[in-house]
């Protein structure tokens, strides 16, 4: 319950659903980025409402999964259908 990811980058993941959770209440993604992820499964596989706050999602729109359960609060979330968009800038965090 009440899990919050802040300024996280979810990238270069393969297979299965990237974000999968069942029975989780209060899941929040704040200033997170999702890019360069591949697979036949959807990006989001969630059964409860979750919250997107100022995130950047670079993923084909037909494979977003349960994005209809997302509520956008605070800063607007940006969607881009190209998972390898060249406009993604390094935050100098994590792998280079």
C-alpha atoms as a PDB file:
ATOM      1  CA  UNK A   1       0.000   0.000   0.000  1.00  0.00           C
ATOM      2  CA  UNK A   2       0.993   3.605  -0.636  1.00  0.00           C
ATOM      3  CA  UNK A   3       4.052   2.909  -2.804  1.00  0.00           C
ATOM      4  CA  UNK A   4       5.580   5.987  -4.423  1.00  0.00           C
ATOM      5  CA  UNK A   5       8.287   6.096  -7.098  1.00  0.00           C
ATOM      6  CA  UNK A   6       9.913   9.535  -7.416  1.00  0.00           C
ATOM      7  CA  UNK A   7      12.298  10.567 -10.224  1.00  0.00           C
ATOM      8  CA  UNK A   8      12.784   6.970 -11.374  1.00  0.00           C
ATOM      9  CA  UNK A   9      13.685   5.803 -14.868  1.00  0.00           C
ATOM     10  CA  UNK A  10      12.215   2.517 -16.081  1.00  0.00           C
ATOM     11  CA  UNK A  11      14.125   1.548 -19.239  1.00  0.00           C
ATOM     12  CA  UNK A  12      15.608  -1.296 -21.284  1.00  0.00           C
ATOM     13  CA  UNK A  13      13.222  -3.874 -19.838  1.00  0.00           C
ATOM     14  CA  UNK A  14      12.141  -6.912 -21.841  1.00  0.00           C
ATOM     15  CA  UNK A  15       9.273  -9.413 -21.706  1.00  0.00           C
ATOM     16  CA  UNK A  16       6.244  -9.526 -19.433  1.00  0.00           C
ATOM     17  CA  UNK A  17       4.441  -6.451 -18.181  1.00  0.00           C
ATOM     18  CA  UNK A  18       6.797  -3.767 -16.952  1.00  0.00           C
ATOM     19  CA  UNK A  19       4.604  -2.516 -14.115  1.00  0.00           C
ATOM     20  CA  UNK A  20       2.476  -5.310 -12.703  1.00  0.00           C
ATOM     21  CA  UNK A  21       0.642  -5.201  -9.391  1.00  0.00           C
ATOM     22  CA  UNK A  22      -2.578  -6.630  -8.004  1.00  0.00           C
ATOM     23  CA  UNK A  23      -4.399  -5.287  -4.965  1.00  0.00           C
ATOM     24  CA  UNK A  24      -2.056  -2.309  -4.532  1.00  0.00           C
ATOM     25  CA  UNK A  25      -3.693   0.889  -3.302  1.00  0.00           C
ATOM     26  CA  UNK A  26      -2.015   4.286  -3.526  1.00  0.00           C
ATOM     27  CA  UNK A  27       0.593   3.525  -6.210  1.00  0.00           C
ATOM     28  CA  UNK A  28       2.174   6.805  -7.381  1.00  0.00           C
ATOM     29  CA  UNK A  29       4.694   7.610 -10.105  1.00  0.00           C
ATOM     30  CA  UNK A  30       6.058  11.141  -9.633  1.00  0.00           C
ATOM     31  CA  UNK A  31       8.437  12.598 -12.265  1.00  0.00           C
ATOM     32  CA  UNK A  32       9.217   9.114 -13.621  1.00  0.00           C
ATOM     33  CA  UNK A  33      10.239   8.167 -17.152  1.00  0.00           C
ATOM     34  CA  UNK A  34       9.387   4.986 -19.044  1.00  0.00           C
ATOM     35  CA  UNK A  35      11.395   4.435 -22.244  1.00  0.00           C
ATOM     36  CA  UNK A  36      13.176   1.852 -24.439  1.00  0.00           C
ATOM     37  CA  UNK A  37      11.047  -1.005 -23.043  1.00  0.00           C
ATOM     38  CA  UNK A  38      10.142  -3.952 -25.290  1.00  0.00           C
ATOM     39  CA  UNK A  39       7.869  -6.956 -25.238  1.00  0.00           C
ATOM     40  CA  UNK A  40       4.485  -8.292 -26.257  1.00  0.00           C
ATOM     41  CA  UNK A  41       2.883  -7.560 -22.883  1.00  0.00           C
ATOM     42  CA  UNK A  42       1.463  -4.169 -21.881  1.00  0.00           C
ATOM     43  CA  UNK A  43       3.482  -1.503 -20.097  1.00  0.00           C
ATOM     44  CA  UNK A  44       1.006  -1.300 -17.194  1.00  0.00           C
ATOM     45  CA  UNK A  45      -0.843  -4.316 -15.813  1.00  0.00           C
ATOM     46  CA  UNK A  46      -2.642  -3.039 -12.718  1.00  0.00           C
ATOM     47  CA  UNK A  47      -6.044  -3.770 -11.257  1.00  0.00           C
ATOM     48  CA  UNK A  48      -6.442  -0.614  -9.136  1.00  0.00           C
ATOM     49  CA  UNK A  49      -6.271   3.122  -9.739  1.00  0.00           C
ATOM     50  CA  UNK A  50      -2.733   4.510  -9.845  1.00  0.00           C
ATOM     51  CA  UNK A  51      -1.429   8.060 -10.070  1.00  0.00           C
ATOM     52  CA  UNK A  52       0.849   9.684 -12.653  1.00  0.00           C
ATOM     53  CA  UNK A  53       2.378  13.037 -11.690  1.00  0.00           C
ATOM     54  CA  UNK A  54       4.517  14.745 -14.334  1.00  0.00           C
ATOM     55  CA  UNK A  55       5.826  11.530 -15.887  1.00  0.00           C
ATOM     56  CA  UNK A  56       7.209  10.943 -19.380  1.00  0.00           C
ATOM     57  CA  UNK A  57       5.984   7.785 -21.080  1.00  0.00           C
ATOM     58  CA  UNK A  58       7.691   6.788 -24.335  1.00  0.00           C
ATOM     59  CA  UNK A  59       5.794   3.685 -25.375  1.00  0.00           C
ATOM     60  CA  UNK A  60       3.501   2.642 -28.242  1.00  0.00           C
ATOM     61  CA  UNK A  61       0.006   3.771 -27.277  1.00  0.00           C
ATOM     62  CA  UNK A  62      -1.578   0.445 -28.276  1.00  0.00           C
ATOM     63  CA  UNK A  63       0.534  -1.343 -25.633  1.00  0.00           C
ATOM     64  CA  UNK A  64      -0.004   0.863 -22.581  1.00  0.00           C
ATOM     65  CA  UNK A  65      -2.241  -1.709 -20.879  1.00  0.00           C
ATOM     66  CA  UNK A  66      -4.344  -0.542 -17.941  1.00  0.00           C
ATOM     67  CA  UNK A  67      -3.543   3.153 -18.458  1.00  0.00           C
ATOM     68  CA  UNK A  68      -7.307   3.753 -18.210  1.00  0.00           C
ATOM     69  CA  UNK A  69      -6.925   3.226 -14.455  1.00  0.00           C
ATOM     70  CA  UNK A  70      -4.437   6.121 -14.193  1.00  0.00           C
ATOM     71  CA  UNK A  71      -5.381   9.411 -12.629  1.00  0.00           C
ATOM     72  CA  UNK A  72      -3.219  12.348 -13.540  1.00  0.00           C
ATOM     73  CA  UNK A  73      -2.591  14.736 -10.698  1.00  0.00           C
ATOM     74  CA  UNK A  74      -0.220  17.673 -10.392  1.00  0.00           C
ATOM     75  CA  UNK A  75       2.090  18.205 -13.367  1.00  0.00           C
ATOM     76  CA  UNK A  76       0.865  16.849 -16.691  1.00  0.00           C
ATOM     77  CA  UNK A  77       2.177  13.493 -17.908  1.00  0.00           C
ATOM     78  CA  UNK A  78       3.639  13.457 -21.438  1.00  0.00           C
ATOM     79  CA  UNK A  79       2.991  10.524 -23.782  1.00  0.00           C
ATOM     80  CA  UNK A  80       5.117   9.734 -26.837  1.00  0.00           C
ATOM     81  CA  UNK A  81       4.588   6.635 -28.999  1.00  0.00           C
ATOM     82  CA  UNK A  82       8.323   6.375 -29.852  1.00  0.00           C
ATOM     83  CA  UNK A  83      10.154   4.409 -27.110  1.00  0.00           C
ATOM     84  CA  UNK A  84      13.531   5.533 -28.513  1.00  0.00           C
ATOM     85  CA  UNK A  85      12.865   9.249 -28.911  1.00  0.00           C
ATOM     86  CA  UNK A  86      16.148  11.198 -29.139  1.00  0.00           C
ATOM     87  CA  UNK A  87      14.767  13.976 -26.904  1.00  0.00           C
ATOM     88  CA  UNK A  88      15.211  11.844 -23.773  1.00  0.00           C
ATOM     89  CA  UNK A  89      17.967  13.570 -21.813  1.00  0.00           C
ATOM     90  CA  UNK A  90      20.199  12.021 -19.179  1.00  0.00           C
ATOM     91  CA  UNK A  91      19.481  12.982 -15.575  1.00  0.00           C
ATOM     92  CA  UNK A  92      22.963  11.810 -14.573  1.00  0.00           C
ATOM     93  CA  UNK A  93      21.383   9.065 -12.489  1.00  0.00           C
ATOM     94  CA  UNK A  94      21.697   5.313 -12.901  1.00  0.00           C
ATOM     95  CA  UNK A  95      23.444   3.543 -15.772  1.00  0.00           C
ATOM     96  CA  UNK A  96      24.893   5.662 -18.570  1.00  0.00           C
END
